[in-house]
Amino acid sequence: MGRNDHWSEKELREAFFKMVYTLGMWIFFMMVTIFLGVGKDWAFFDSSRVHAWQHILFFAWLIITIPLISWVTIVKIWKIDTLFRNSFKNRRK
């Protein structure tokens, strides 16, 4: 048995909120990306009804939002960077 055998209700509620919030963010991102990329043909360069600025906007959306959502998920929601910093501090002592 590990040290996390007895989780409090508050800890479970926080973990559940983090999971739902993370999944919601990524699902919303994927829905918008699929709608713009496939539904509006912004991701396909062989479409004759799409202008170049729409392709540029779509791929700029991808390049900006994937690292941004990853950073928000890892650093802000799950605070994994703090976990790594604390584990390295404990090793030095």
PDB file of N, CA and C in Angstrom:
ATOM      1  N   MET A   1       0.843  -1.178   0.000  1.00  0.00           N
ATOM      2  CA  MET A   1       0.000   0.000   0.000  1.00  0.00           C
ATOM      3  C   MET A   1       0.886   1.239   0.000  1.00  0.00           C
ATOM      4  N   GLY A   2       0.514   2.197  -0.840  1.00  0.00           N
ATOM      5  CA  GLY A   2       1.301   3.416  -0.975  1.00  0.00           C
ATOM      6  C   GLY A   2       0.852   4.495  -0.018  1.00  0.00           C
ATOM      7  N   ARG A   3       1.456   5.627  -0.143  1.00  0.00           N
ATOM      8  CA  ARG A   3       1.143   6.726   0.758  1.00  0.00           C
ATOM      9  C   ARG A   3      -0.140   7.433   0.369  1.00  0.00           C
ATOM     10  N   ASN A   4      -0.677   7.198  -0.822  1.00  0.00           N
ATOM     11  CA  ASN A   4      -1.901   7.853  -1.264  1.00  0.00           C
ATOM     12  C   ASN A   4      -3.112   6.945  -1.157  1.00  0.00           C
ATOM     13  N   ASP A   5      -3.106   6.041  -0.178  1.00  0.00           N
ATOM     14  CA  ASP A   5      -4.221   5.107  -0.035  1.00  0.00           C
ATOM     15  C   ASP A   5      -5.479   5.785   0.480  1.00  0.00           C
ATOM     16  N   HIS A   6      -5.339   6.804   1.250  1.00  0.00           N
ATOM     17  CA  HIS A   6      -6.490   7.445   1.869  1.00  0.00           C
ATOM     18  C   HIS A   6      -6.596   8.886   1.369  1.00  0.00           C
ATOM     19  N   TRP A   7      -7.283   9.052   0.278  1.00  0.00           N
ATOM     20  CA  TRP A   7      -7.476  10.382  -0.287  1.00  0.00           C
ATOM     21  C   TRP A   7      -8.686  11.013   0.379  1.00  0.00           C
ATOM     22  N   SER A   8      -8.583  12.270   0.666  1.00  0.00           N
ATOM     23  CA  SER A   8      -9.725  12.972   1.239  1.00  0.00           C
ATOM     24  C   SER A   8     -10.710  13.334   0.131  1.00  0.00           C
ATOM     25  N   GLU A   9     -11.886  13.698   0.538  1.00  0.00           N
ATOM     26  CA  GLU A   9     -12.916  14.069  -0.443  1.00  0.00           C
ATOM     27  C   GLU A   9     -12.498  15.329  -1.205  1.00  0.00           C
ATOM     28  N   LYS A  10     -11.832  16.237  -0.536  1.00  0.00           N
ATOM     29  CA  LYS A  10     -11.365  17.468  -1.181  1.00  0.00           C
ATOM     30  C   LYS A  10     -10.328  17.156  -2.259  1.00  0.00           C
ATOM     31  N   GLU A  11      -9.393  16.262  -1.969  1.00  0.00           N
ATOM     32  CA  GLU A  11      -8.375  15.888  -2.942  1.00  0.00           C
ATOM     33  C   GLU A  11      -8.988  15.194  -4.156  1.00  0.00           C
ATOM     34  N   LEU A  12      -9.964  14.333  -3.918  1.00  0.00           N
ATOM     35  CA  LEU A  12     -10.638  13.665  -5.028  1.00  0.00           C
ATOM     36  C   LEU A  12     -11.412  14.658  -5.881  1.00  0.00           C
ATOM     37  N   ARG A  13     -12.068  15.606  -5.238  1.00  0.00           N
ATOM     38  CA  ARG A  13     -12.815  16.623  -5.968  1.00  0.00           C
ATOM     39  C   ARG A  13     -11.866  17.470  -6.821  1.00  0.00           C
ATOM     40  N   GLU A  14     -10.717  17.851  -6.265  1.00  0.00           N
ATOM     41  CA  GLU A  14      -9.742  18.638  -7.022  1.00  0.00           C
ATOM     42  C   GLU A  14      -9.185  17.841  -8.199  1.00  0.00           C
ATOM     43  N   ALA A  15      -8.873  16.577  -7.996  1.00  0.00           N
ATOM     44  CA  ALA A  15      -8.344  15.747  -9.074  1.00  0.00           C
ATOM     45  C   ALA A  15      -9.394  15.561 -10.172  1.00  0.00           C
ATOM     46  N   PHE A  16     -10.637  15.358  -9.782  1.00  0.00           N
ATOM     47  CA  PHE A  16     -11.711  15.211 -10.760  1.00  0.00           C
ATOM     48  C   PHE A  16     -11.892  16.497 -11.556  1.00  0.00           C
ATOM     49  N   PHE A  17     -11.847  17.652 -10.889  1.00  0.00           N
ATOM     50  CA  PHE A  17     -11.961  18.932 -11.569  1.00  0.00           C
ATOM     51  C   PHE A  17     -10.822  19.112 -12.566  1.00  0.00           C
ATOM     52  N   LYS A  18      -9.607  18.757 -12.156  1.00  0.00           N
ATOM     53  CA  LYS A  18      -8.466  18.882 -13.052  1.00  0.00           C
ATOM     54  C   LYS A  18      -8.639  18.007 -14.291  1.00  0.00           C
ATOM     55  N   MET A  19      -9.106  16.777 -14.096  1.00  0.00           N
ATOM     56  CA  MET A  19      -9.306  15.870 -15.228  1.00  0.00           C
ATOM     57  C   MET A  19     -10.385  16.389 -16.170  1.00  0.00           C
ATOM     58  N   VAL A  20     -11.508  16.822 -15.614  1.00  0.00           N
ATOM     59  CA  VAL A  20     -12.604  17.314 -16.451  1.00  0.00           C
ATOM     60  C   VAL A  20     -12.190  18.589 -17.178  1.00  0.00           C
ATOM     61  N   TYR A  21     -11.515  19.487 -16.499  1.00  0.00           N
ATOM     62  CA  TYR A  21     -11.077  20.739 -17.107  1.00  0.00           C
ATOM     63  C   TYR A  21     -10.074  20.480 -18.226  1.00  0.00           C
ATOM     64  N   THR A  22      -9.129  19.579 -17.984  1.00  0.00           N
ATOM     65  CA  THR A  22      -8.130  19.244 -18.997  1.00  0.00           C
ATOM     66  C   THR A  22      -8.785  18.605 -20.214  1.00  0.00           C
ATOM     67  N   LEU A  23      -9.628  17.612 -19.989  1.00  0.00           N
ATOM     68  CA  LEU A  23     -10.314  16.965 -21.112  1.00  0.00           C
ATOM     69  C   LEU A  23     -11.202  17.951 -21.864  1.00  0.00           C
ATOM     70  N   GLY A  24     -11.879  18.809 -21.152  1.00  0.00           N
ATOM     71  CA  GLY A  24     -12.736  19.800 -21.798  1.00  0.00           C
ATOM     72  C   GLY A  24     -11.951  20.750 -22.683  1.00  0.00           C
ATOM     73  N   MET A  25     -10.807  21.206 -22.196  1.00  0.00           N
ATOM     74  CA  MET A  25      -9.971  22.109 -23.000  1.00  0.00           C
ATOM     75  C   MET A  25      -9.495  21.431 -24.272  1.00  0.00           C
ATOM     76  N   TRP A  26      -8.989  20.197 -24.144  1.00  0.00           N
ATOM     77  CA  TRP A  26      -8.458  19.501 -25.312  1.00  0.00           C
ATOM     78  C   TRP A  26      -9.566  19.104 -26.282  1.00  0.00           C
ATOM     79  N   ILE A  27     -10.712  18.707 -25.784  1.00  0.00           N
ATOM     80  CA  ILE A  27     -11.824  18.353 -26.682  1.00  0.00           C
ATOM     81  C   ILE A  27     -12.328  19.592 -27.411  1.00  0.00           C
ATOM     82  N   PHE A  28     -12.444  20.725 -26.719  1.00  0.00           N
ATOM     83  CA  PHE A  28     -12.856  21.960 -27.382  1.00  0.00           C
ATOM     84  C   PHE A  28     -11.838  22.353 -28.451  1.00  0.00           C
ATOM     85  N   PHE A  29     -10.547  22.260 -28.140  1.00  0.00           N
ATOM     86  CA  PHE A  29      -9.500  22.558 -29.110  1.00  0.00           C
ATOM     87  C   PHE A  29      -9.624  21.650 -30.330  1.00  0.00           C
ATOM     88  N   MET A  30      -9.828  20.362 -30.120  1.00  0.00           N
ATOM     89  CA  MET A  30      -9.948  19.432 -31.238  1.00  0.00           C
ATOM     90  C   MET A  30     -11.209  19.701 -32.060  1.00  0.00           C
ATOM     91  N   MET A  31     -12.309  20.053 -31.413  1.00  0.00           N
ATOM     92  CA  MET A  31     -13.533  20.351 -32.154  1.00  0.00           C
ATOM     93  C   MET A  31     -13.350  21.572 -33.043  1.00  0.00           C
ATOM     94  N   VAL A  32     -12.751  22.629 -32.515  1.00  0.00           N
ATOM     95  CA  VAL A  32     -12.516  23.836 -33.318  1.00  0.00           C
ATOM     96  C   VAL A  32     -11.562  23.530 -34.464  1.00  0.00           C
ATOM     97  N   THR A  33     -10.516  22.788 -34.192  1.00  0.00           N
ATOM     98  CA  THR A  33      -9.530  22.462 -35.215  1.00  0.00           C
ATOM     99  C   THR A  33     -10.132  21.593 -36.313  1.00  0.00           C
ATOM    100  N   ILE A  34     -10.913  20.599 -35.937  1.00  0.00           N
ATOM    101  CA  ILE A  34     -11.552  19.744 -36.932  1.00  0.00           C
ATOM    102  C   ILE A  34     -12.576  20.529 -37.745  1.00  0.00           C
ATOM    103  N   PHE A  35     -13.344  21.397 -37.077  1.00  0.00           N
ATOM    104  CA  PHE A  35     -14.330  22.197 -37.798  1.00  0.00           C
ATOM    105  C   PHE A  35     -13.658  23.099 -38.829  1.00  0.00           C
ATOM    106  N   LEU A  36     -12.592  23.792 -38.421  1.00  0.00           N
ATOM    107  CA  LEU A  36     -11.910  24.690 -39.349  1.00  0.00           C
ATOM    108  C   LEU A  36     -11.110  23.926 -40.399  1.00  0.00           C
ATOM    109  N   GLY A  37     -10.398  22.901 -39.967  1.00  0.00           N
ATOM    110  CA  GLY A  37      -9.517  22.183 -40.887  1.00  0.00           C
ATOM    111  C   GLY A  37     -10.243  21.321 -41.884  1.00  0.00           C
ATOM    112  N   VAL A  38     -11.187  20.530 -41.420  1.00  0.00           N
ATOM    113  CA  VAL A  38     -11.894  19.604 -42.302  1.00  0.00           C
ATOM    114  C   VAL A  38     -13.214  20.192 -42.784  1.00  0.00           C
ATOM    115  N   GLY A  39     -13.961  20.772 -41.887  1.00  0.00           N
ATOM    116  CA  GLY A  39     -15.271  21.299 -42.261  1.00  0.00           C
ATOM    117  C   GLY A  39     -15.201  22.492 -43.196  1.00  0.00           C
ATOM    118  N   LYS A  40     -14.261  23.368 -42.978  1.00  0.00           N
ATOM    119  CA  LYS A  40     -14.110  24.560 -43.820  1.00  0.00           C
ATOM    120  C   LYS A  40     -12.989  24.423 -44.843  1.00  0.00           C
ATOM    121  N   ASP A  41     -12.327  23.275 -44.881  1.00  0.00           N
ATOM    122  CA  ASP A  41     -11.225  22.977 -45.820  1.00  0.00           C
ATOM    123  C   ASP A  41     -10.016  23.879 -45.647  1.00  0.00           C
ATOM    124  N   TRP A  42      -9.812  24.431 -44.483  1.00  0.00           N
ATOM    125  CA  TRP A  42      -8.667  25.310 -44.279  1.00  0.00           C
ATOM    126  C   TRP A  42      -7.363  24.526 -44.172  1.00  0.00           C
ATOM    127  N   ALA A  43      -7.416  23.239 -43.891  1.00  0.00           N
ATOM    128  CA  ALA A  43      -6.203  22.449 -43.719  1.00  0.00           C
ATOM    129  C   ALA A  43      -5.715  21.842 -45.038  1.00  0.00           C
ATOM    130  N   PHE A  44      -6.536  21.891 -46.065  1.00  0.00           N
ATOM    131  CA  PHE A  44      -6.196  21.248 -47.335  1.00  0.00           C
ATOM    132  C   PHE A  44      -5.800  22.303 -48.362  1.00  0.00           C
ATOM    133  N   PHE A  45      -4.617  22.143 -48.923  1.00  0.00           N
ATOM    134  CA  PHE A  45      -4.116  23.140 -49.864  1.00  0.00           C
ATOM    135  C   PHE A  45      -4.692  22.981 -51.267  1.00  0.00           C
ATOM    136  N   ASP A  46      -5.335  21.860 -51.564  1.00  0.00           N
ATOM    137  CA  ASP A  46      -5.869  21.661 -52.907  1.00  0.00           C
ATOM    138  C   ASP A  46      -7.299  22.195 -53.066  1.00  0.00           C
ATOM    139  N   SER A  47      -7.842  22.805 -52.057  1.00  0.00           N
ATOM    140  CA  SER A  47      -9.187  23.363 -52.130  1.00  0.00           C
ATOM    141  C   SER A  47      -9.145  24.701 -52.870  1.00  0.00           C
ATOM    142  N   SER A  48     -10.004  24.849 -53.873  1.00  0.00           N
ATOM    143  CA  SER A  48      -9.997  26.073 -54.676  1.00  0.00           C
ATOM    144  C   SER A  48     -10.828  27.193 -54.050  1.00  0.00           C
ATOM    145  N   ARG A  49     -11.667  26.873 -53.079  1.00  0.00           N
ATOM    146  CA  ARG A  49     -12.528  27.900 -52.484  1.00  0.00           C
ATOM    147  C   ARG A  49     -11.956  28.506 -51.197  1.00  0.00           C
ATOM    148  N   VAL A  50     -10.727  28.156 -50.877  1.00  0.00           N
ATOM    149  CA  VAL A  50     -10.090  28.657 -49.661  1.00  0.00           C
ATOM    150  C   VAL A  50      -8.929  29.563 -50.045  1.00  0.00           C
ATOM    151  N   HIS A  51      -8.850  30.719 -49.436  1.00  0.00           N
ATOM    152  CA  HIS A  51      -7.782  31.672 -49.720  1.00  0.00           C
ATOM    153  C   HIS A  51      -6.533  31.330 -48.918  1.00  0.00           C
ATOM    154  N   ALA A  52      -5.430  31.900 -49.329  1.00  0.00           N
ATOM    155  CA  ALA A  52      -4.148  31.629 -48.666  1.00  0.00           C
ATOM    156  C   ALA A  52      -4.146  32.121 -47.228  1.00  0.00           C
ATOM    157  N   TRP A  53      -4.807  33.255 -46.952  1.00  0.00           N
ATOM    158  CA  TRP A  53      -4.812  33.771 -45.581  1.00  0.00           C
ATOM    159  C   TRP A  53      -5.539  32.816 -44.633  1.00  0.00           C
ATOM    160  N   GLN A  54      -6.497  32.037 -45.146  1.00  0.00           N
ATOM    161  CA  GLN A  54      -7.191  31.073 -44.296  1.00  0.00           C
ATOM    162  C   GLN A  54      -6.274  29.909 -43.932  1.00  0.00           C
ATOM    163  N   HIS A  55      -5.444  29.471 -44.878  1.00  0.00           N
ATOM    164  CA  HIS A  55      -4.455  28.428 -44.564  1.00  0.00           C
ATOM    165  C   HIS A  55      -3.451  28.933 -43.525  1.00  0.00           C
ATOM    166  N   ILE A  56      -2.984  30.142 -43.741  1.00  0.00           N
ATOM    167  CA  ILE A  56      -2.010  30.728 -42.810  1.00  0.00           C
ATOM    168  C   ILE A  56      -2.625  30.865 -41.424  1.00  0.00           C
ATOM    169  N   LEU A  57      -3.848  31.335 -41.358  1.00  0.00           N
ATOM    170  CA  LEU A  57      -4.536  31.485 -40.075  1.00  0.00           C
ATOM    171  C   LEU A  57      -4.734  30.146 -39.382  1.00  0.00           C
ATOM    172  N   PHE A  58      -5.101  29.126 -40.141  1.00  0.00           N
ATOM    173  CA  PHE A  58      -5.328  27.796 -39.553  1.00  0.00           C
ATOM    174  C   PHE A  58      -4.030  27.221 -38.981  1.00  0.00           C
ATOM    175  N   PHE A  59      -2.962  27.270 -39.751  1.00  0.00           N
ATOM    176  CA  PHE A  59      -1.715  26.685 -39.264  1.00  0.00           C
ATOM    177  C   PHE A  59      -1.071  27.538 -38.178  1.00  0.00           C
ATOM    178  N   ALA A  60      -1.300  28.845 -38.196  1.00  0.00           N
ATOM    179  CA  ALA A  60      -0.856  29.687 -37.077  1.00  0.00           C
ATOM    180  C   ALA A  60      -1.636  29.318 -35.818  1.00  0.00           C
ATOM    181  N   TRP A  61      -2.936  29.044 -35.968  1.00  0.00           N
ATOM    182  CA  TRP A  61      -3.769  28.564 -34.854  1.00  0.00           C
ATOM    183  C   TRP A  61      -3.158  27.310 -34.249  1.00  0.00           C
ATOM    184  N   LEU A  62      -2.769  26.365 -35.081  1.00  0.00           N
ATOM    185  CA  LEU A  62      -2.173  25.125 -34.573  1.00  0.00           C
ATOM    186  C   LEU A  62      -0.845  25.380 -33.875  1.00  0.00           C
ATOM    187  N   ILE A  63       0.019  26.172 -34.510  1.00  0.00           N
ATOM    188  CA  ILE A  63       1.354  26.408 -33.965  1.00  0.00           C
ATOM    189  C   ILE A  63       1.296  27.150 -32.636  1.00  0.00           C
ATOM    190  N   ILE A  64       0.321  28.032 -32.466  1.00  0.00           N
ATOM    191  CA  ILE A  64       0.209  28.801 -31.232  1.00  0.00           C
ATOM    192  C   ILE A  64      -0.536  28.048 -30.143  1.00  0.00           C
ATOM    193  N   THR A  65      -1.637  27.407 -30.492  1.00  0.00           N
ATOM    194  CA  THR A  65      -2.488  26.830 -29.450  1.00  0.00           C
ATOM    195  C   THR A  65      -1.993  25.507 -28.886  1.00  0.00           C
ATOM    196  N   ILE A  66      -1.331  24.686 -29.669  1.00  0.00           N
ATOM    197  CA  ILE A  66      -0.860  23.396 -29.124  1.00  0.00           C
ATOM    198  C   ILE A  66       0.149  23.612 -27.994  1.00  0.00           C
ATOM    199  N   PRO A  67       1.199  24.422 -28.167  1.00  0.00           N
ATOM    200  CA  PRO A  67       2.089  24.664 -27.015  1.00  0.00           C
ATOM    201  C   PRO A  67       1.403  25.411 -25.869  1.00  0.00           C
ATOM    202  N   LEU A  68       0.491  26.331 -26.203  1.00  0.00           N
ATOM    203  CA  LEU A  68      -0.203  27.084 -25.168  1.00  0.00           C
ATOM    204  C   LEU A  68      -1.090  26.173 -24.316  1.00  0.00           C
ATOM    205  N   ILE A  69      -1.865  25.325 -24.942  1.00  0.00           N
ATOM    206  CA  ILE A  69      -2.730  24.415 -24.184  1.00  0.00           C
ATOM    207  C   ILE A  69      -1.896  23.396 -23.422  1.00  0.00           C
ATOM    208  N   SER A  70      -0.801  22.942 -24.020  1.00  0.00           N
ATOM    209  CA  SER A  70       0.083  22.018 -23.302  1.00  0.00           C
ATOM    210  C   SER A  70       0.663  22.674 -22.063  1.00  0.00           C
ATOM    211  N   TRP A  71       1.107  23.922 -22.195  1.00  0.00           N
ATOM    212  CA  TRP A  71       1.671  24.637 -21.052  1.00  0.00           C
ATOM    213  C   TRP A  71       0.622  24.851 -19.969  1.00  0.00           C
ATOM    214  N   VAL A  72      -0.575  25.269 -20.364  1.00  0.00           N
ATOM    215  CA  VAL A  72      -1.644  25.483 -19.381  1.00  0.00           C
ATOM    216  C   VAL A  72      -1.974  24.173 -18.680  1.00  0.00           C
ATOM    217  N   THR A  73      -2.039  23.096 -19.431  1.00  0.00           N
ATOM    218  CA  THR A  73      -2.364  21.799 -18.847  1.00  0.00           C
ATOM    219  C   THR A  73      -1.277  21.342 -17.873  1.00  0.00           C
ATOM    220  N   ILE A  74      -0.031  21.407 -18.296  1.00  0.00           N
ATOM    221  CA  ILE A  74       1.063  20.860 -17.485  1.00  0.00           C
ATOM    222  C   ILE A  74       1.420  21.771 -16.320  1.00  0.00           C
ATOM    223  N   VAL A  75       1.549  23.064 -16.576  1.00  0.00           N
ATOM    224  CA  VAL A  75       2.072  23.975 -15.554  1.00  0.00           C
ATOM    225  C   VAL A  75       0.964  24.542 -14.679  1.00  0.00           C
ATOM    226  N   LYS A  76      -0.099  25.019 -15.277  1.00  0.00           N
ATOM    227  CA  LYS A  76      -1.129  25.717 -14.512  1.00  0.00           C
ATOM    228  C   LYS A  76      -2.120  24.774 -13.844  1.00  0.00           C
ATOM    229  N   ILE A  77      -2.587  23.763 -14.552  1.00  0.00           N
ATOM    230  CA  ILE A  77      -3.616  22.895 -13.975  1.00  0.00           C
ATOM    231  C   ILE A  77      -2.999  21.809 -13.103  1.00  0.00           C
ATOM    232  N   TRP A  78      -2.069  21.039 -13.659  1.00  0.00           N
ATOM    233  CA  TRP A  78      -1.535  19.891 -12.930  1.00  0.00           C
ATOM    234  C   TRP A  78      -0.321  20.234 -12.079  1.00  0.00           C
ATOM    235  N   LYS A  79       0.307  21.379 -12.303  1.00  0.00           N
ATOM    236  CA  LYS A  79       1.467  21.840 -11.528  1.00  0.00           C
ATOM    237  C   LYS A  79       2.576  20.785 -11.474  1.00  0.00           C
ATOM    238  N   ILE A  80       2.844  20.172 -12.629  1.00  0.00           N
ATOM    239  CA  ILE A  80       3.857  19.126 -12.700  1.00  0.00           C
ATOM    240  C   ILE A  80       5.253  19.710 -12.556  1.00  0.00           C
ATOM    241  N   ASP A  81       5.452  20.962 -12.996  1.00  0.00           N
ATOM    242  CA  ASP A  81       6.772  21.568 -12.837  1.00  0.00           C
ATOM    243  C   ASP A  81       7.140  21.719 -11.366  1.00  0.00           C
ATOM    244  N   THR A  82       6.167  22.018 -10.523  1.00  0.00           N
ATOM    245  CA  THR A  82       6.411  22.116  -9.080  1.00  0.00           C
ATOM    246  C   THR A  82       6.775  20.755  -8.511  1.00  0.00           C
ATOM    247  N   LEU A  83       6.113  19.728  -8.996  1.00  0.00           N
ATOM    248  CA  LEU A  83       6.405  18.365  -8.555  1.00  0.00           C
ATOM    249  C   LEU A  83       7.849  17.996  -8.881  1.00  0.00           C
ATOM    250  N   PHE A  84       8.296  18.336 -10.105  1.00  0.00           N
ATOM    251  CA  PHE A  84       9.671  18.038 -10.482  1.00  0.00           C
ATOM    252  C   PHE A  84      10.664  18.859  -9.668  1.00  0.00           C
ATOM    253  N   ARG A  85      10.366  20.144  -9.450  1.00  0.00           N
ATOM    254  CA  ARG A  85      11.271  20.965  -8.656  1.00  0.00           C
ATOM    255  C   ARG A  85      11.393  20.441  -7.235  1.00  0.00           C
ATOM    256  N   ASN A  86      10.279  20.051  -6.648  1.00  0.00           N
ATOM    257  CA  ASN A  86      10.311  19.529  -5.281  1.00  0.00           C
ATOM    258  C   ASN A  86      11.057  18.201  -5.211  1.00  0.00           C
ATOM    259  N   SER A  87      10.919  17.359  -6.222  1.00  0.00           N
ATOM    260  CA  SER A  87      11.616  16.076  -6.186  1.00  0.00           C
ATOM    261  C   SER A  87      13.131  16.273  -6.325  1.00  0.00           C
ATOM    262  N   PHE A  88      13.559  17.269  -7.099  1.00  0.00           N
ATOM    263  CA  PHE A  88      14.979  17.526  -7.220  1.00  0.00           C
ATOM    264  C   PHE A  88      15.527  18.159  -5.949  1.00  0.00           C
ATOM    265  N   LYS A  89      14.762  18.981  -5.255  1.00  0.00           N
ATOM    266  CA  LYS A  89      15.204  19.573  -3.992  1.00  0.00           C
ATOM    267  C   LYS A  89      15.378  18.498  -2.930  1.00  0.00           C
ATOM    268  N   ASN A  90      14.502  17.513  -2.915  1.00  0.00           N
ATOM    269  CA  ASN A  90      14.603  16.448  -1.925  1.00  0.00           C
ATOM    270  C   ASN A  90      15.824  15.578  -2.162  1.00  0.00           C
ATOM    271  N   ARG A  91      16.248  15.411  -3.406  1.00  0.00           N
ATOM    272  CA  ARG A  91      17.419  14.597  -3.702  1.00  0.00           C
ATOM    273  C   ARG A  91      18.704  15.273  -3.261  1.00  0.00           C
ATOM    274  N   ARG A  92      18.759  16.582  -3.294  1.00  0.00           N
ATOM    275  CA  ARG A  92      19.997  17.297  -2.944  1.00  0.00           C
ATOM    276  C   ARG A  92      20.257  17.285  -1.458  1.00  0.00           C
ATOM    277  N   LYS A  93      19.247  17.103  -0.652  1.00  0.00           N
ATOM    278  CA  LYS A  93      19.441  17.147   0.804  1.00  0.00           C
ATOM    279  C   LYS A  93      20.078  15.912   1.343  1.00  0.00           C
TER     280      LYS A  93
END
